[in-house]
Amino acid sequence: MKDYHEIKISVPKPVGISCLPDYIYFQISNKFTDKQEQRIKDGITSVLAVWKKHHDEKWNGGTNTGTSKLALCIKPYATKNLKSKWNKSSFPNNSIAATNLVMNRFTQLIRDNGFGKSPPAIIDLRSSTTIYAPVGKTKRRVPLSLQINPKQLDSAALTDLNLTGSIFHAWLHRAGWRDPKTTSYFISECPMCIMRNLKPKNPDVRDSSYYKFFD
């Protein structure tokens, strides 16, 4: 892959989660500028920090019965499409269970990437939207590949929180969650909570101002 080079992102170690790689790896296009590449690295690092914080709070001092602040933020808003495409049987119809499932899926995707069990994760350029990733075709060994619009990376409108939420949304697709990306749907409400820094919704700010950054 002569037009790409490898980057690696350090994997934090949440409490209660074992058998984790030290890094996850990506083949990133050489067409991104150094500044754009750094933003991508920072965004992925921030998503991993969200994942770690969820597990730390859920672990709750060793009980594994806690509820993360992210799950509590999502609870009042997410009521639709809580299941991934892989949940064929009955599933608890609540967003807290969905959040726990997402983070467990992310754990598996991280392991598969870091231990070389999934195909290489490619980060490529995209001319439209912000960050795109299709829904994963399998339950495991799904590459954490992304397509990213470099113009959006250079835009002041794509704040660090918006970038984190956009990558999180894309990885929800890789983990098996489908659109639509509209209000009340889990795949929107979960990353929007991240973009609001886990704060309640402001009635003066439209949800569309956040999910315009989703693919």
N, C-alpha and C. Protein backbone atom coordinates (compact mmCIF):
# COMPACT_ATOMS: atom_id res chain seq x y z
N MET A 1 0.85 -1.19 0.00
CA MET A 1 0.00 0.00 0.00
C MET A 1 0.89 1.25 0.00
N LYS A 2 1.44 1.55 -1.17
CA LYS A 2 2.43 2.61 -1.26
C LYS A 2 1.85 4.00 -1.01
N ASP A 3 0.55 4.16 -1.18
CA ASP A 3 -0.08 5.47 -0.98
C ASP A 3 -0.58 5.67 0.44
N TYR A 4 -0.21 4.77 1.33
CA TYR A 4 -0.66 4.81 2.72
C TYR A 4 0.53 4.60 3.66
N HIS A 5 0.37 5.00 4.89
CA HIS A 5 1.36 4.68 5.90
C HIS A 5 0.64 4.30 7.18
N GLU A 6 1.33 3.59 8.04
CA GLU A 6 0.69 3.08 9.25
C GLU A 6 0.77 4.08 10.39
N ILE A 7 -0.34 4.20 11.10
CA ILE A 7 -0.36 4.93 12.36
C ILE A 7 -0.87 3.98 13.43
N LYS A 8 -0.48 4.23 14.66
CA LYS A 8 -0.99 3.42 15.76
C LYS A 8 -1.46 4.34 16.87
N ILE A 9 -2.54 3.91 17.52
CA ILE A 9 -3.15 4.67 18.60
C ILE A 9 -3.10 3.83 19.86
N SER A 10 -2.61 4.41 20.93
CA SER A 10 -2.50 3.70 22.20
C SER A 10 -3.89 3.36 22.75
N VAL A 11 -4.04 2.13 23.22
CA VAL A 11 -5.31 1.68 23.77
C VAL A 11 -5.28 1.83 25.29
N PRO A 12 -6.18 2.64 25.86
CA PRO A 12 -6.23 2.75 27.32
C PRO A 12 -6.75 1.45 27.92
N LYS A 13 -6.55 1.27 29.20
CA LYS A 13 -6.93 0.02 29.86
C LYS A 13 -8.05 0.29 30.88
N PRO A 14 -9.29 0.05 30.47
CA PRO A 14 -10.40 0.25 31.42
C PRO A 14 -10.33 -0.76 32.56
N VAL A 15 -10.87 -0.37 33.68
CA VAL A 15 -10.98 -1.29 34.82
C VAL A 15 -11.90 -2.45 34.43
N GLY A 16 -11.51 -3.66 34.77
CA GLY A 16 -12.36 -4.81 34.56
C GLY A 16 -12.30 -5.42 33.18
N ILE A 17 -11.54 -4.84 32.26
CA ILE A 17 -11.42 -5.37 30.90
C ILE A 17 -10.00 -5.90 30.71
N SER A 18 -9.89 -7.17 30.38
CA SER A 18 -8.58 -7.80 30.22
C SER A 18 -8.33 -8.15 28.76
N CYS A 19 -7.13 -8.64 28.50
CA CYS A 19 -6.76 -9.12 27.16
C CYS A 19 -6.95 -8.04 26.10
N LEU A 20 -6.30 -6.91 26.33
CA LEU A 20 -6.38 -5.80 25.38
C LEU A 20 -5.02 -5.57 24.73
N PRO A 21 -5.01 -5.16 23.47
CA PRO A 21 -3.74 -4.84 22.82
C PRO A 21 -3.21 -3.50 23.33
N ASP A 22 -1.95 -3.26 23.12
CA ASP A 22 -1.38 -1.97 23.50
C ASP A 22 -1.76 -0.88 22.51
N TYR A 23 -1.99 -1.27 21.26
CA TYR A 23 -2.30 -0.29 20.21
C TYR A 23 -3.36 -0.84 19.26
N ILE A 24 -4.07 0.08 18.58
CA ILE A 24 -4.82 -0.27 17.39
C ILE A 24 -4.13 0.42 16.22
N TYR A 25 -4.28 -0.17 15.03
CA TYR A 25 -3.48 0.24 13.88
C TYR A 25 -4.37 0.61 12.69
N PHE A 26 -3.88 1.59 11.92
CA PHE A 26 -4.59 2.04 10.73
C PHE A 26 -3.60 2.29 9.61
N GLN A 27 -4.04 2.04 8.40
CA GLN A 27 -3.32 2.47 7.21
C GLN A 27 -4.02 3.74 6.71
N ILE A 28 -3.33 4.87 6.80
CA ILE A 28 -3.95 6.16 6.48
C ILE A 28 -3.37 6.71 5.19
N SER A 29 -4.23 7.32 4.39
CA SER A 29 -3.81 7.86 3.11
C SER A 29 -2.76 8.95 3.28
N ASN A 30 -1.79 8.95 2.38
CA ASN A 30 -0.76 9.99 2.40
C ASN A 30 -1.29 11.34 1.95
N LYS A 31 -2.53 11.39 1.47
CA LYS A 31 -3.09 12.64 0.95
C LYS A 31 -3.55 13.58 2.07
N PHE A 32 -3.74 13.06 3.25
CA PHE A 32 -4.07 13.94 4.37
C PHE A 32 -2.84 14.76 4.76
N THR A 33 -3.07 16.01 5.13
CA THR A 33 -1.96 16.83 5.62
C THR A 33 -1.59 16.37 7.03
N ASP A 34 -0.44 16.82 7.50
CA ASP A 34 -0.01 16.47 8.86
C ASP A 34 -1.02 16.96 9.89
N LYS A 35 -1.56 18.15 9.68
CA LYS A 35 -2.54 18.70 10.62
C LYS A 35 -3.82 17.88 10.62
N GLN A 36 -4.28 17.49 9.42
CA GLN A 36 -5.48 16.67 9.33
C GLN A 36 -5.27 15.30 9.97
N GLU A 37 -4.11 14.73 9.73
CA GLU A 37 -3.80 13.42 10.33
C GLU A 37 -3.80 13.51 11.85
N GLN A 38 -3.26 14.59 12.38
CA GLN A 38 -3.24 14.73 13.84
C GLN A 38 -4.65 14.85 14.39
N ARG A 39 -5.53 15.55 13.69
CA ARG A 39 -6.92 15.66 14.14
C ARG A 39 -7.59 14.27 14.15
N ILE A 40 -7.30 13.48 13.14
CA ILE A 40 -7.86 12.13 13.08
C ILE A 40 -7.37 11.30 14.26
N LYS A 41 -6.07 11.37 14.52
CA LYS A 41 -5.50 10.64 15.66
C LYS A 41 -6.15 11.09 16.97
N ASP A 42 -6.29 12.40 17.13
CA ASP A 42 -6.89 12.93 18.36
C ASP A 42 -8.34 12.48 18.50
N GLY A 43 -9.07 12.46 17.37
CA GLY A 43 -10.47 12.03 17.40
C GLY A 43 -10.61 10.57 17.81
N ILE A 44 -9.77 9.71 17.25
CA ILE A 44 -9.81 8.29 17.62
C ILE A 44 -9.42 8.10 19.08
N THR A 45 -8.41 8.83 19.52
CA THR A 45 -8.01 8.76 20.93
C THR A 45 -9.15 9.17 21.84
N SER A 46 -9.91 10.18 21.44
CA SER A 46 -11.04 10.64 22.25
C SER A 46 -12.16 9.60 22.31
N VAL A 47 -12.40 8.91 21.19
CA VAL A 47 -13.40 7.84 21.19
C VAL A 47 -12.98 6.73 22.16
N LEU A 48 -11.70 6.38 22.14
CA LEU A 48 -11.20 5.37 23.07
C LEU A 48 -11.34 5.83 24.52
N ALA A 49 -11.19 7.12 24.76
CA ALA A 49 -11.35 7.65 26.11
C ALA A 49 -12.81 7.53 26.57
N VAL A 50 -13.75 7.76 25.66
CA VAL A 50 -15.18 7.58 25.97
C VAL A 50 -15.46 6.12 26.32
N TRP A 51 -14.91 5.22 25.51
CA TRP A 51 -15.06 3.78 25.74
C TRP A 51 -14.50 3.38 27.10
N LYS A 52 -13.31 3.88 27.44
CA LYS A 52 -12.70 3.56 28.73
C LYS A 52 -13.53 4.09 29.89
N LYS A 53 -13.97 5.33 29.78
CA LYS A 53 -14.73 5.94 30.88
C LYS A 53 -16.02 5.18 31.13
N HIS A 54 -16.67 4.74 30.05
CA HIS A 54 -17.90 3.96 30.22
C HIS A 54 -17.63 2.71 31.04
N HIS A 55 -16.61 1.96 30.67
CA HIS A 55 -16.30 0.72 31.38
C HIS A 55 -15.88 0.99 32.83
N ASP A 56 -15.09 2.03 33.04
CA ASP A 56 -14.67 2.37 34.40
C ASP A 56 -15.88 2.66 35.29
N GLU A 57 -16.83 3.42 34.76
CA GLU A 57 -18.01 3.78 35.55
C GLU A 57 -18.95 2.59 35.72
N LYS A 58 -19.06 1.77 34.71
CA LYS A 58 -19.90 0.58 34.82
C LYS A 58 -19.30 -0.42 35.81
N TRP A 59 -17.98 -0.51 35.86
CA TRP A 59 -17.32 -1.43 36.78
C TRP A 59 -17.65 -1.09 38.23
N ASN A 60 -17.76 0.20 38.52
CA ASN A 60 -18.29 0.68 39.80
C ASN A 60 -17.59 0.05 41.00
N GLY A 61 -16.26 0.16 41.01
CA GLY A 61 -15.51 -0.32 42.15
C GLY A 61 -15.44 -1.83 42.28
N GLY A 62 -15.72 -2.54 41.19
CA GLY A 62 -15.60 -3.99 41.20
C GLY A 62 -16.91 -4.74 41.10
N THR A 63 -18.03 -4.03 41.10
CA THR A 63 -19.33 -4.70 41.07
C THR A 63 -19.81 -4.99 39.65
N ASN A 64 -19.33 -4.21 38.68
CA ASN A 64 -19.79 -4.32 37.29
C ASN A 64 -21.29 -4.12 37.16
N THR A 65 -21.85 -3.32 38.04
CA THR A 65 -23.30 -3.06 38.03
C THR A 65 -23.61 -1.56 37.90
N GLY A 66 -22.59 -0.75 37.67
CA GLY A 66 -22.81 0.68 37.58
C GLY A 66 -23.40 1.08 36.24
N THR A 67 -23.78 2.33 36.15
CA THR A 67 -24.30 2.91 34.91
C THR A 67 -23.45 4.11 34.54
N SER A 68 -22.92 4.11 33.35
CA SER A 68 -22.03 5.20 32.94
C SER A 68 -22.82 6.49 32.73
N LYS A 69 -22.11 7.59 32.82
CA LYS A 69 -22.73 8.89 32.58
C LYS A 69 -23.22 9.01 31.14
N LEU A 70 -22.52 8.36 30.21
CA LEU A 70 -22.98 8.36 28.83
C LEU A 70 -24.33 7.66 28.71
N ALA A 71 -24.46 6.49 29.33
CA ALA A 71 -25.73 5.76 29.27
C ALA A 71 -26.87 6.57 29.90
N LEU A 72 -26.57 7.26 30.99
CA LEU A 72 -27.60 8.08 31.64
C LEU A 72 -27.98 9.28 30.78
N CYS A 73 -27.01 9.82 30.04
CA CYS A 73 -27.30 10.94 29.14
C CYS A 73 -28.23 10.50 28.02
N ILE A 74 -27.98 9.30 27.49
CA ILE A 74 -28.76 8.81 26.35
C ILE A 74 -30.18 8.42 26.75
N LYS A 75 -30.36 7.93 27.97
CA LYS A 75 -31.60 7.31 28.40
C LYS A 75 -32.87 8.11 28.10
N PRO A 76 -32.92 9.42 28.35
CA PRO A 76 -34.17 10.15 28.10
C PRO A 76 -34.51 10.33 26.62
N TYR A 77 -33.54 10.11 25.75
CA TYR A 77 -33.70 10.50 24.35
C TYR A 77 -33.80 9.34 23.37
N ALA A 78 -33.06 8.27 23.60
CA ALA A 78 -32.98 7.17 22.63
C ALA A 78 -34.09 6.16 22.88
N THR A 79 -35.00 6.01 21.93
CA THR A 79 -36.13 5.09 22.08
C THR A 79 -36.30 4.17 20.88
N LYS A 80 -35.55 4.40 19.80
CA LYS A 80 -35.75 3.62 18.57
C LYS A 80 -34.43 2.99 18.11
N ASN A 81 -34.57 1.83 17.44
CA ASN A 81 -33.42 1.13 16.86
C ASN A 81 -32.30 0.92 17.88
N LEU A 82 -32.67 0.38 19.03
CA LEU A 82 -31.69 0.13 20.08
C LEU A 82 -30.85 -1.11 19.79
N LYS A 83 -31.39 -2.01 18.98
CA LYS A 83 -30.69 -3.26 18.68
C LYS A 83 -29.78 -3.09 17.47
N SER A 84 -28.69 -3.82 17.49
CA SER A 84 -27.85 -3.90 16.30
C SER A 84 -28.44 -4.94 15.35
N LYS A 85 -27.89 -5.04 14.17
CA LYS A 85 -28.37 -6.02 13.19
C LYS A 85 -28.13 -7.45 13.64
N TRP A 86 -27.29 -7.63 14.66
CA TRP A 86 -26.96 -8.98 15.12
C TRP A 86 -27.87 -9.47 16.22
N ASN A 87 -28.72 -8.61 16.77
CA ASN A 87 -29.62 -9.02 17.83
C ASN A 87 -30.92 -9.57 17.23
N LYS A 88 -30.93 -10.86 16.97
CA LYS A 88 -32.11 -11.48 16.38
C LYS A 88 -33.13 -11.89 17.43
N SER A 89 -32.67 -12.21 18.64
CA SER A 89 -33.57 -12.65 19.70
C SER A 89 -34.03 -11.45 20.52
N SER A 90 -34.73 -11.73 21.61
CA SER A 90 -35.26 -10.66 22.44
C SER A 90 -34.12 -9.82 23.01
N PHE A 91 -34.39 -8.55 23.15
CA PHE A 91 -33.36 -7.62 23.62
C PHE A 91 -34.04 -6.61 24.55
N PRO A 92 -33.43 -6.31 25.70
CA PRO A 92 -34.04 -5.33 26.61
C PRO A 92 -34.25 -3.99 25.90
N ASN A 93 -35.46 -3.51 25.94
CA ASN A 93 -35.80 -2.30 25.19
C ASN A 93 -35.44 -1.05 26.01
N ASN A 94 -34.15 -0.91 26.28
CA ASN A 94 -33.71 0.29 26.98
C ASN A 94 -32.33 0.69 26.51
N SER A 95 -32.07 1.96 26.54
CA SER A 95 -30.83 2.50 25.97
C SER A 95 -29.62 2.19 26.82
N ILE A 96 -29.80 1.93 28.12
CA ILE A 96 -28.66 1.58 28.96
C ILE A 96 -28.10 0.23 28.53
N ALA A 97 -28.99 -0.74 28.28
CA ALA A 97 -28.54 -2.04 27.79
C ALA A 97 -27.88 -1.90 26.43
N ALA A 98 -28.42 -1.03 25.59
CA ALA A 98 -27.84 -0.81 24.26
C ALA A 98 -26.44 -0.20 24.37
N THR A 99 -26.26 0.73 25.29
CA THR A 99 -24.95 1.35 25.47
C THR A 99 -23.93 0.33 25.96
N ASN A 100 -24.34 -0.51 26.90
CA ASN A 100 -23.44 -1.56 27.38
C ASN A 100 -23.05 -2.50 26.24
N LEU A 101 -24.02 -2.83 25.40
CA LEU A 101 -23.73 -3.73 24.28
C LEU A 101 -22.76 -3.08 23.30
N VAL A 102 -22.99 -1.80 22.98
CA VAL A 102 -22.10 -1.08 22.07
C VAL A 102 -20.66 -1.14 22.58
N MET A 103 -20.47 -0.83 23.84
CA MET A 103 -19.11 -0.77 24.36
C MET A 103 -18.46 -2.15 24.40
N ASN A 104 -19.25 -3.19 24.61
CA ASN A 104 -18.70 -4.55 24.52
C ASN A 104 -18.31 -4.87 23.08
N ARG A 105 -19.10 -4.41 22.12
CA ARG A 105 -18.76 -4.62 20.72
C ARG A 105 -17.47 -3.87 20.36
N PHE A 106 -17.37 -2.64 20.85
CA PHE A 106 -16.15 -1.88 20.60
C PHE A 106 -14.93 -2.61 21.18
N THR A 107 -15.10 -3.20 22.36
CA THR A 107 -14.00 -3.96 22.96
C THR A 107 -13.54 -5.06 22.03
N GLN A 108 -14.50 -5.78 21.43
CA GLN A 108 -14.13 -6.85 20.51
C GLN A 108 -13.47 -6.33 19.25
N LEU A 109 -13.98 -5.22 18.71
CA LEU A 109 -13.38 -4.63 17.52
C LEU A 109 -11.94 -4.17 17.80
N ILE A 110 -11.72 -3.61 18.98
CA ILE A 110 -10.39 -3.17 19.38
C ILE A 110 -9.45 -4.36 19.49
N ARG A 111 -9.92 -5.42 20.13
CA ARG A 111 -9.09 -6.62 20.25
C ARG A 111 -8.74 -7.19 18.86
N ASP A 112 -9.75 -7.29 18.01
CA ASP A 112 -9.52 -7.87 16.69
C ASP A 112 -8.52 -7.06 15.89
N ASN A 113 -8.61 -5.73 15.99
CA ASN A 113 -7.67 -4.86 15.29
C ASN A 113 -6.27 -5.00 15.87
N GLY A 114 -6.17 -4.80 17.17
CA GLY A 114 -4.86 -4.75 17.80
C GLY A 114 -4.09 -6.06 17.76
N PHE A 115 -4.82 -7.17 17.74
CA PHE A 115 -4.17 -8.48 17.69
C PHE A 115 -4.12 -9.06 16.28
N GLY A 116 -4.45 -8.24 15.29
CA GLY A 116 -4.32 -8.65 13.89
C GLY A 116 -5.31 -9.69 13.44
N LYS A 117 -6.49 -9.75 14.06
CA LYS A 117 -7.49 -10.74 13.69
C LYS A 117 -8.51 -10.22 12.68
N SER A 118 -8.51 -8.91 12.44
CA SER A 118 -9.41 -8.33 11.44
C SER A 118 -8.58 -7.79 10.28
N PRO A 119 -9.20 -7.59 9.12
CA PRO A 119 -8.47 -7.00 8.00
C PRO A 119 -7.93 -5.62 8.37
N PRO A 120 -6.91 -5.14 7.68
CA PRO A 120 -6.36 -3.82 7.99
C PRO A 120 -7.43 -2.72 7.95
N ALA A 121 -7.36 -1.82 8.91
CA ALA A 121 -8.27 -0.68 8.96
C ALA A 121 -7.70 0.44 8.10
N ILE A 122 -8.47 0.88 7.11
CA ILE A 122 -8.03 1.89 6.16
C ILE A 122 -8.71 3.22 6.46
N ILE A 123 -7.94 4.29 6.49
CA ILE A 123 -8.52 5.64 6.61
C ILE A 123 -8.25 6.36 5.30
N ASP A 124 -9.33 6.63 4.57
CA ASP A 124 -9.21 7.20 3.24
C ASP A 124 -9.97 8.51 3.15
N LEU A 125 -9.76 9.24 2.05
CA LEU A 125 -10.43 10.51 1.84
C LEU A 125 -11.82 10.30 1.27
N ARG A 126 -12.68 11.28 1.55
CA ARG A 126 -14.06 11.29 1.06
C ARG A 126 -14.41 12.72 0.70
N SER A 127 -15.16 12.91 -0.36
CA SER A 127 -15.45 14.27 -0.83
C SER A 127 -16.76 14.83 -0.30
N SER A 128 -17.59 13.98 0.33
CA SER A 128 -18.88 14.45 0.83
C SER A 128 -19.05 14.04 2.29
N THR A 129 -20.06 14.59 2.93
CA THR A 129 -20.36 14.39 4.35
C THR A 129 -19.10 14.60 5.20
N THR A 130 -19.05 14.01 6.38
CA THR A 130 -17.90 14.20 7.26
C THR A 130 -17.10 12.92 7.40
N ILE A 131 -17.69 11.92 8.04
CA ILE A 131 -17.01 10.64 8.22
C ILE A 131 -17.98 9.51 7.87
N TYR A 132 -17.53 8.61 7.03
CA TYR A 132 -18.39 7.53 6.55
C TYR A 132 -17.80 6.17 6.88
N ALA A 133 -18.68 5.26 7.27
CA ALA A 133 -18.31 3.86 7.44
C ALA A 133 -19.56 3.03 7.24
N PRO A 134 -19.52 1.99 6.42
CA PRO A 134 -20.70 1.16 6.21
C PRO A 134 -20.96 0.25 7.40
N VAL A 135 -22.18 -0.26 7.49
CA VAL A 135 -22.52 -1.22 8.55
C VAL A 135 -21.69 -2.48 8.35
N GLY A 136 -21.13 -2.98 9.44
CA GLY A 136 -20.30 -4.17 9.37
C GLY A 136 -21.05 -5.37 8.81
N LYS A 137 -20.38 -6.15 7.99
CA LYS A 137 -21.00 -7.30 7.35
C LYS A 137 -20.97 -8.54 8.22
N THR A 138 -20.12 -8.55 9.21
CA THR A 138 -20.02 -9.67 10.13
C THR A 138 -20.02 -9.15 11.56
N LYS A 139 -20.21 -10.07 12.51
CA LYS A 139 -20.28 -9.66 13.91
C LYS A 139 -18.90 -9.41 14.49
N ARG A 140 -17.92 -10.16 14.01
CA ARG A 140 -16.56 -10.02 14.52
C ARG A 140 -15.58 -9.82 13.37
N ARG A 141 -14.37 -9.45 13.74
CA ARG A 141 -13.29 -9.26 12.78
C ARG A 141 -13.65 -8.24 11.71
N VAL A 142 -14.26 -7.15 12.15
CA VAL A 142 -14.64 -6.06 11.27
C VAL A 142 -13.57 -4.97 11.34
N PRO A 143 -12.99 -4.56 10.23
CA PRO A 143 -11.97 -3.52 10.27
C PRO A 143 -12.57 -2.17 10.68
N LEU A 144 -11.83 -1.40 11.45
CA LEU A 144 -12.29 -0.08 11.91
C LEU A 144 -12.01 0.99 10.85
N SER A 145 -12.32 0.69 9.62
CA SER A 145 -12.02 1.59 8.50
C SER A 145 -12.96 2.80 8.51
N LEU A 146 -12.43 3.92 8.02
CA LEU A 146 -13.17 5.17 7.95
C LEU A 146 -12.85 5.89 6.65
N GLN A 147 -13.83 6.62 6.13
CA GLN A 147 -13.59 7.59 5.06
C GLN A 147 -13.90 8.97 5.63
N ILE A 148 -12.98 9.90 5.47
CA ILE A 148 -13.08 11.19 6.13
C ILE A 148 -12.91 12.32 5.13
N ASN A 149 -13.78 13.31 5.23
CA ASN A 149 -13.73 14.49 4.37
C ASN A 149 -12.67 15.46 4.91
N PRO A 150 -11.58 15.66 4.20
CA PRO A 150 -10.51 16.52 4.73
C PRO A 150 -10.95 17.99 4.88
N LYS A 151 -11.88 18.43 4.04
CA LYS A 151 -12.35 19.82 4.17
C LYS A 151 -13.06 20.03 5.50
N GLN A 152 -13.80 19.01 5.94
CA GLN A 152 -14.46 19.12 7.24
C GLN A 152 -13.45 19.17 8.38
N LEU A 153 -12.36 18.44 8.23
CA LEU A 153 -11.33 18.47 9.27
C LEU A 153 -10.72 19.86 9.42
N ASP A 154 -10.73 20.63 8.34
CA ASP A 154 -10.17 21.99 8.37
C ASP A 154 -11.21 23.04 8.79
N SER A 155 -12.46 22.60 8.96
CA SER A 155 -13.53 23.55 9.27
C SER A 155 -13.65 23.77 10.78
N ALA A 156 -13.82 25.03 11.17
CA ALA A 156 -13.99 25.36 12.58
C ALA A 156 -15.30 24.80 13.14
N ALA A 157 -16.26 24.51 12.25
CA ALA A 157 -17.55 23.97 12.69
C ALA A 157 -17.40 22.57 13.26
N LEU A 158 -16.39 21.83 12.81
CA LEU A 158 -16.15 20.49 13.31
C LEU A 158 -15.26 20.60 14.55
N THR A 159 -15.90 20.89 15.68
CA THR A 159 -15.17 21.00 16.93
C THR A 159 -14.61 19.63 17.33
N ASP A 160 -13.76 19.62 18.34
CA ASP A 160 -13.19 18.34 18.79
C ASP A 160 -14.29 17.38 19.26
N LEU A 161 -15.30 17.91 19.97
CA LEU A 161 -16.40 17.06 20.42
C LEU A 161 -17.21 16.55 19.24
N ASN A 162 -17.45 17.40 18.25
CA ASN A 162 -18.19 16.97 17.06
C ASN A 162 -17.42 15.89 16.30
N LEU A 163 -16.11 16.04 16.23
CA LEU A 163 -15.28 15.04 15.56
C LEU A 163 -15.36 13.70 16.30
N THR A 164 -15.26 13.75 17.62
CA THR A 164 -15.36 12.52 18.41
C THR A 164 -16.70 11.84 18.19
N GLY A 165 -17.78 12.61 18.22
CA GLY A 165 -19.11 12.05 18.01
C GLY A 165 -19.27 11.48 16.61
N SER A 166 -18.68 12.13 15.63
CA SER A 166 -18.79 11.66 14.25
C SER A 166 -18.07 10.33 14.06
N ILE A 167 -16.87 10.19 14.63
CA ILE A 167 -16.15 8.92 14.56
C ILE A 167 -16.91 7.84 15.32
N PHE A 168 -17.45 8.20 16.48
CA PHE A 168 -18.23 7.24 17.27
C PHE A 168 -19.42 6.74 16.47
N HIS A 169 -20.12 7.64 15.80
CA HIS A 169 -21.26 7.26 14.95
C HIS A 169 -20.82 6.28 13.87
N ALA A 170 -19.70 6.57 13.24
CA ALA A 170 -19.20 5.69 12.18
C ALA A 170 -18.86 4.31 12.72
N TRP A 171 -18.27 4.27 13.91
CA TRP A 171 -17.94 2.97 14.51
C TRP A 171 -19.18 2.22 14.97
N LEU A 172 -20.26 2.95 15.30
CA LEU A 172 -21.52 2.28 15.58
C LEU A 172 -21.99 1.50 14.34
N HIS A 173 -21.80 2.09 13.18
CA HIS A 173 -22.10 1.35 11.94
C HIS A 173 -21.24 0.10 11.83
N ARG A 174 -19.96 0.23 12.10
CA ARG A 174 -19.07 -0.93 12.00
C ARG A 174 -19.49 -2.03 12.98
N ALA A 175 -20.06 -1.61 14.12
CA ALA A 175 -20.48 -2.57 15.14
C ALA A 175 -21.86 -3.17 14.87
N GLY A 176 -22.54 -2.68 13.82
CA GLY A 176 -23.81 -3.29 13.44
C GLY A 176 -25.05 -2.46 13.62
N TRP A 177 -24.92 -1.17 13.92
CA TRP A 177 -26.10 -0.31 14.07
C TRP A 177 -26.37 0.42 12.76
N ARG A 178 -27.64 0.54 12.43
CA ARG A 178 -28.06 1.16 11.18
C ARG A 178 -28.68 2.53 11.43
N ASP A 179 -28.67 3.37 10.39
CA ASP A 179 -29.41 4.62 10.42
C ASP A 179 -30.91 4.31 10.40
N PRO A 180 -31.82 5.27 10.56
CA PRO A 180 -31.66 6.68 10.22
C PRO A 180 -31.00 7.52 11.32
N LYS A 181 -30.37 8.54 10.86
CA LYS A 181 -29.65 9.44 11.77
C LYS A 181 -30.55 10.64 12.09
N THR A 182 -31.58 10.35 12.85
CA THR A 182 -32.52 11.39 13.25
C THR A 182 -32.82 11.27 14.73
N THR A 183 -33.51 12.25 15.27
CA THR A 183 -33.85 12.30 16.69
C THR A 183 -34.57 11.03 17.14
N SER A 184 -34.27 10.58 18.33
CA SER A 184 -34.87 9.43 19.01
C SER A 184 -34.20 8.11 18.64
N TYR A 185 -33.42 8.08 17.59
CA TYR A 185 -32.76 6.85 17.19
C TYR A 185 -31.42 6.73 17.92
N PHE A 186 -31.16 5.52 18.41
CA PHE A 186 -29.96 5.30 19.22
C PHE A 186 -28.69 5.74 18.53
N ILE A 187 -28.57 5.43 17.23
CA ILE A 187 -27.33 5.72 16.52
C ILE A 187 -27.08 7.23 16.39
N SER A 188 -28.10 8.04 16.62
CA SER A 188 -27.92 9.50 16.67
C SER A 188 -27.76 10.01 18.09
N GLU A 189 -28.63 9.54 18.98
CA GLU A 189 -28.64 10.08 20.34
C GLU A 189 -27.36 9.76 21.09
N CYS A 190 -26.79 8.58 20.86
CA CYS A 190 -25.57 8.20 21.56
C CYS A 190 -24.41 9.14 21.23
N PRO A 191 -24.05 9.32 19.96
CA PRO A 191 -22.96 10.26 19.67
C PRO A 191 -23.32 11.72 19.94
N MET A 192 -24.63 12.08 19.85
CA MET A 192 -24.98 13.46 20.17
C MET A 192 -24.73 13.77 21.63
N CYS A 193 -24.91 12.80 22.52
CA CYS A 193 -24.58 13.02 23.93
C CYS A 193 -23.09 13.32 24.08
N ILE A 194 -22.27 12.61 23.32
CA ILE A 194 -20.83 12.88 23.36
C ILE A 194 -20.55 14.29 22.86
N MET A 195 -21.23 14.70 21.80
CA MET A 195 -21.00 16.03 21.22
C MET A 195 -21.47 17.14 22.15
N ARG A 196 -22.42 16.84 23.02
CA ARG A 196 -22.89 17.82 24.00
C ARG A 196 -22.09 17.72 25.30
N ASN A 197 -21.06 16.89 25.31
CA ASN A 197 -20.25 16.68 26.51
C ASN A 197 -21.11 16.16 27.67
N LEU A 198 -22.05 15.26 27.32
CA LEU A 198 -22.94 14.56 28.25
C LEU A 198 -23.91 15.49 28.97
N LYS A 199 -24.17 16.63 28.38
CA LYS A 199 -25.13 17.57 28.97
C LYS A 199 -26.52 17.36 28.37
N PRO A 200 -27.58 17.74 29.09
CA PRO A 200 -28.94 17.63 28.53
C PRO A 200 -29.09 18.49 27.29
N LYS A 201 -30.09 18.19 26.51
CA LYS A 201 -30.32 18.96 25.30
C LYS A 201 -30.75 20.39 25.64
N ASN A 202 -30.28 21.32 24.83
CA ASN A 202 -30.69 22.71 24.91
C ASN A 202 -31.80 22.92 23.89
N PRO A 203 -33.00 23.30 24.33
CA PRO A 203 -34.12 23.44 23.38
C PRO A 203 -33.87 24.46 22.28
N ASP A 204 -32.89 25.33 22.48
CA ASP A 204 -32.57 26.34 21.48
C ASP A 204 -31.58 25.84 20.43
N VAL A 205 -31.05 24.62 20.61
CA VAL A 205 -30.09 24.05 19.67
C VAL A 205 -30.72 22.84 19.00
N ARG A 206 -30.86 22.88 17.70
CA ARG A 206 -31.49 21.79 16.97
C ARG A 206 -30.57 20.57 16.91
N ASP A 207 -31.18 19.39 17.00
CA ASP A 207 -30.40 18.17 16.87
C ASP A 207 -29.67 18.10 15.54
N SER A 208 -30.28 18.65 14.51
CA SER A 208 -29.68 18.59 13.17
C SER A 208 -28.33 19.29 13.11
N SER A 209 -28.08 20.21 14.05
CA SER A 209 -26.78 20.89 14.06
C SER A 209 -25.66 19.93 14.47
N TYR A 210 -26.05 18.80 15.09
CA TYR A 210 -25.07 17.77 15.43
C TYR A 210 -25.04 16.67 14.38
N TYR A 211 -26.21 16.12 14.04
CA TYR A 211 -26.16 14.96 13.15
C TYR A 211 -25.94 15.31 11.69
N LYS A 212 -25.74 16.57 11.39
CA LYS A 212 -25.27 16.92 10.06
C LYS A 212 -23.83 16.43 9.84
N PHE A 213 -23.15 16.10 10.95
CA PHE A 213 -21.78 15.59 10.85
C PHE A 213 -21.72 14.06 10.74
N PHE A 214 -22.90 13.42 10.73
CA PHE A 214 -22.93 11.96 10.58
C PHE A 214 -23.03 11.61 9.11
N ASP A 215 -22.57 10.40 8.77
CA ASP A 215 -22.65 9.98 7.37
C ASP A 215 -24.08 9.61 7.00
